[in-house]
Amino acid sequence: MTVEEVSELIGRSVSSIYGDEKKGAFPERIKLGWSSRWRTDEVLVWIEEPAAKRARR
């Protein structure tokens, strides 16, 4: 997924995505030549993590 696609999916700004990635709070992107992409499955797992944590309580 491109950063724009990720931004639209999770409803957050591009800069916040890069910032969270730098802090280790968001999946790392994969470099493909000149471009970067995020794996869709990793982004979807990141989205589901808060719900999974609530379910374990």
N, C-alpha and C. Protein backbone atom coordinates (compact mmCIF):
# COMPACT_ATOMS: atom_id res chain seq x y z
N MET A 1 0.85 -1.17 0.00
CA MET A 1 0.00 0.00 0.00
C MET A 1 0.90 1.24 0.00
N THR A 2 0.50 2.25 -0.69
CA THR A 2 1.22 3.52 -0.65
C THR A 2 0.87 4.24 0.64
N VAL A 3 1.66 5.24 0.97
CA VAL A 3 1.39 6.00 2.19
C VAL A 3 0.04 6.71 2.08
N GLU A 4 -0.33 7.12 0.89
CA GLU A 4 -1.63 7.76 0.71
C GLU A 4 -2.77 6.78 0.96
N GLU A 5 -2.60 5.54 0.50
CA GLU A 5 -3.62 4.51 0.73
C GLU A 5 -3.73 4.18 2.21
N VAL A 6 -2.59 4.07 2.87
CA VAL A 6 -2.59 3.81 4.32
C VAL A 6 -3.27 4.96 5.05
N SER A 7 -2.94 6.18 4.68
CA SER A 7 -3.52 7.36 5.31
C SER A 7 -5.04 7.36 5.19
N GLU A 8 -5.52 7.04 4.01
CA GLU A 8 -6.97 7.00 3.79
C GLU A 8 -7.62 5.88 4.59
N LEU A 9 -6.97 4.72 4.63
CA LEU A 9 -7.53 3.57 5.34
C LEU A 9 -7.64 3.82 6.83
N ILE A 10 -6.60 4.40 7.43
CA ILE A 10 -6.61 4.55 8.89
C ILE A 10 -7.07 5.93 9.35
N GLY A 11 -7.26 6.85 8.41
CA GLY A 11 -7.77 8.17 8.77
C GLY A 11 -6.77 9.03 9.51
N ARG A 12 -5.49 8.88 9.18
CA ARG A 12 -4.45 9.68 9.82
C ARG A 12 -3.59 10.32 8.75
N SER A 13 -2.89 11.37 9.13
CA SER A 13 -2.08 12.11 8.17
C SER A 13 -0.83 11.32 7.79
N VAL A 14 -0.30 11.65 6.64
CA VAL A 14 0.93 11.03 6.17
C VAL A 14 2.06 11.28 7.17
N SER A 15 2.17 12.49 7.68
CA SER A 15 3.25 12.80 8.61
C SER A 15 3.12 12.00 9.91
N SER A 16 1.91 11.75 10.38
CA SER A 16 1.75 10.96 11.60
C SER A 16 2.13 9.50 11.36
N ILE A 17 1.88 9.00 10.16
CA ILE A 17 2.27 7.63 9.83
C ILE A 17 3.78 7.51 9.85
N TYR A 18 4.47 8.44 9.20
CA TYR A 18 5.93 8.40 9.19
C TYR A 18 6.49 8.57 10.61
N GLY A 19 5.88 9.44 11.39
CA GLY A 19 6.34 9.66 12.77
C GLY A 19 6.17 8.41 13.62
N ASP A 20 5.02 7.76 13.50
CA ASP A 20 4.79 6.53 14.28
C ASP A 20 5.71 5.41 13.81
N GLU A 21 5.97 5.35 12.52
CA GLU A 21 6.90 4.34 12.01
C GLU A 21 8.29 4.56 12.61
N LYS A 22 8.71 5.80 12.66
CA LYS A 22 10.03 6.12 13.22
C LYS A 22 10.12 5.74 14.69
N LYS A 23 9.01 5.89 15.44
CA LYS A 23 8.98 5.54 16.86
C LYS A 23 8.80 4.04 17.09
N GLY A 24 8.55 3.30 16.02
CA GLY A 24 8.32 1.86 16.16
C GLY A 24 6.89 1.51 16.50
N ALA A 25 5.99 2.48 16.36
CA ALA A 25 4.59 2.27 16.71
C ALA A 25 3.72 1.96 15.49
N PHE A 26 4.33 1.78 14.35
CA PHE A 26 3.61 1.46 13.12
C PHE A 26 4.51 0.54 12.30
N PRO A 27 3.94 -0.36 11.52
CA PRO A 27 4.77 -1.28 10.72
C PRO A 27 5.76 -0.53 9.81
N GLU A 28 6.91 -1.17 9.61
CA GLU A 28 7.92 -0.59 8.72
C GLU A 28 7.51 -0.75 7.27
N ARG A 29 7.87 0.22 6.47
CA ARG A 29 7.60 0.12 5.04
C ARG A 29 8.68 -0.71 4.38
N ILE A 30 8.38 -1.16 3.20
CA ILE A 30 9.31 -1.95 2.40
C ILE A 30 9.75 -1.09 1.22
N LYS A 31 11.05 -0.97 1.03
CA LYS A 31 11.58 -0.21 -0.10
C LYS A 31 11.54 -1.08 -1.34
N LEU A 32 10.95 -0.56 -2.40
CA LEU A 32 10.90 -1.23 -3.70
C LEU A 32 11.44 -0.27 -4.74
N GLY A 33 12.74 -0.37 -4.99
CA GLY A 33 13.37 0.58 -5.91
C GLY A 33 13.29 1.98 -5.32
N TRP A 34 12.69 2.88 -6.07
CA TRP A 34 12.55 4.28 -5.63
C TRP A 34 11.35 4.51 -4.73
N SER A 35 10.48 3.54 -4.63
CA SER A 35 9.25 3.75 -3.87
C SER A 35 9.23 2.91 -2.59
N SER A 36 8.30 3.22 -1.73
CA SER A 36 8.09 2.49 -0.49
C SER A 36 6.64 2.05 -0.43
N ARG A 37 6.42 0.90 0.15
CA ARG A 37 5.07 0.38 0.31
C ARG A 37 4.94 -0.29 1.67
N TRP A 38 3.71 -0.35 2.16
CA TRP A 38 3.40 -1.10 3.37
C TRP A 38 2.65 -2.35 2.96
N ARG A 39 2.93 -3.43 3.68
CA ARG A 39 2.18 -4.67 3.43
C ARG A 39 0.78 -4.49 3.99
N THR A 40 -0.21 -4.81 3.20
CA THR A 40 -1.61 -4.66 3.62
C THR A 40 -1.89 -5.50 4.85
N ASP A 41 -1.40 -6.72 4.89
CA ASP A 41 -1.68 -7.59 6.03
C ASP A 41 -1.10 -7.01 7.33
N GLU A 42 0.06 -6.38 7.27
CA GLU A 42 0.66 -5.79 8.47
C GLU A 42 -0.13 -4.57 8.94
N VAL A 43 -0.63 -3.78 8.01
CA VAL A 43 -1.44 -2.62 8.38
C VAL A 43 -2.75 -3.08 9.01
N LEU A 44 -3.37 -4.10 8.44
CA LEU A 44 -4.63 -4.60 8.99
C LEU A 44 -4.43 -5.19 10.38
N VAL A 45 -3.33 -5.87 10.62
CA VAL A 45 -3.02 -6.39 11.96
C VAL A 45 -2.85 -5.22 12.93
N TRP A 46 -2.16 -4.16 12.50
CA TRP A 46 -1.96 -2.98 13.34
C TRP A 46 -3.32 -2.37 13.71
N ILE A 47 -4.24 -2.33 12.77
CA ILE A 47 -5.58 -1.79 13.02
C ILE A 47 -6.30 -2.64 14.07
N GLU A 48 -6.16 -3.94 14.00
CA GLU A 48 -6.88 -4.86 14.89
C GLU A 48 -6.26 -5.00 16.27
N GLU A 49 -5.02 -4.60 16.46
CA GLU A 49 -4.35 -4.79 17.75
C GLU A 49 -5.10 -4.21 18.95
N PRO A 50 -5.61 -2.98 18.89
CA PRO A 50 -6.33 -2.47 20.07
C PRO A 50 -7.54 -3.31 20.44
N ALA A 51 -8.27 -3.81 19.45
CA ALA A 51 -9.44 -4.64 19.73
C ALA A 51 -9.02 -5.97 20.34
N ALA A 52 -7.91 -6.53 19.85
CA ALA A 52 -7.42 -7.79 20.39
C ALA A 52 -6.98 -7.63 21.84
N LYS A 53 -6.37 -6.51 22.16
CA LYS A 53 -5.95 -6.25 23.54
C LYS A 53 -7.15 -6.13 24.46
N ARG A 54 -8.23 -5.47 23.98
CA ARG A 54 -9.45 -5.34 24.80
C ARG A 54 -10.08 -6.71 25.04
N ALA A 55 -10.05 -7.57 24.03
CA ALA A 55 -10.66 -8.89 24.15
C ALA A 55 -9.93 -9.77 25.14
N ARG A 56 -8.63 -9.54 25.34
CA ARG A 56 -7.84 -10.35 26.27
C ARG A 56 -8.04 -9.92 27.71
N ARG A 57 -8.65 -8.79 27.95
CA ARG A 57 -8.83 -8.30 29.33
C ARG A 57 -9.84 -9.09 30.09
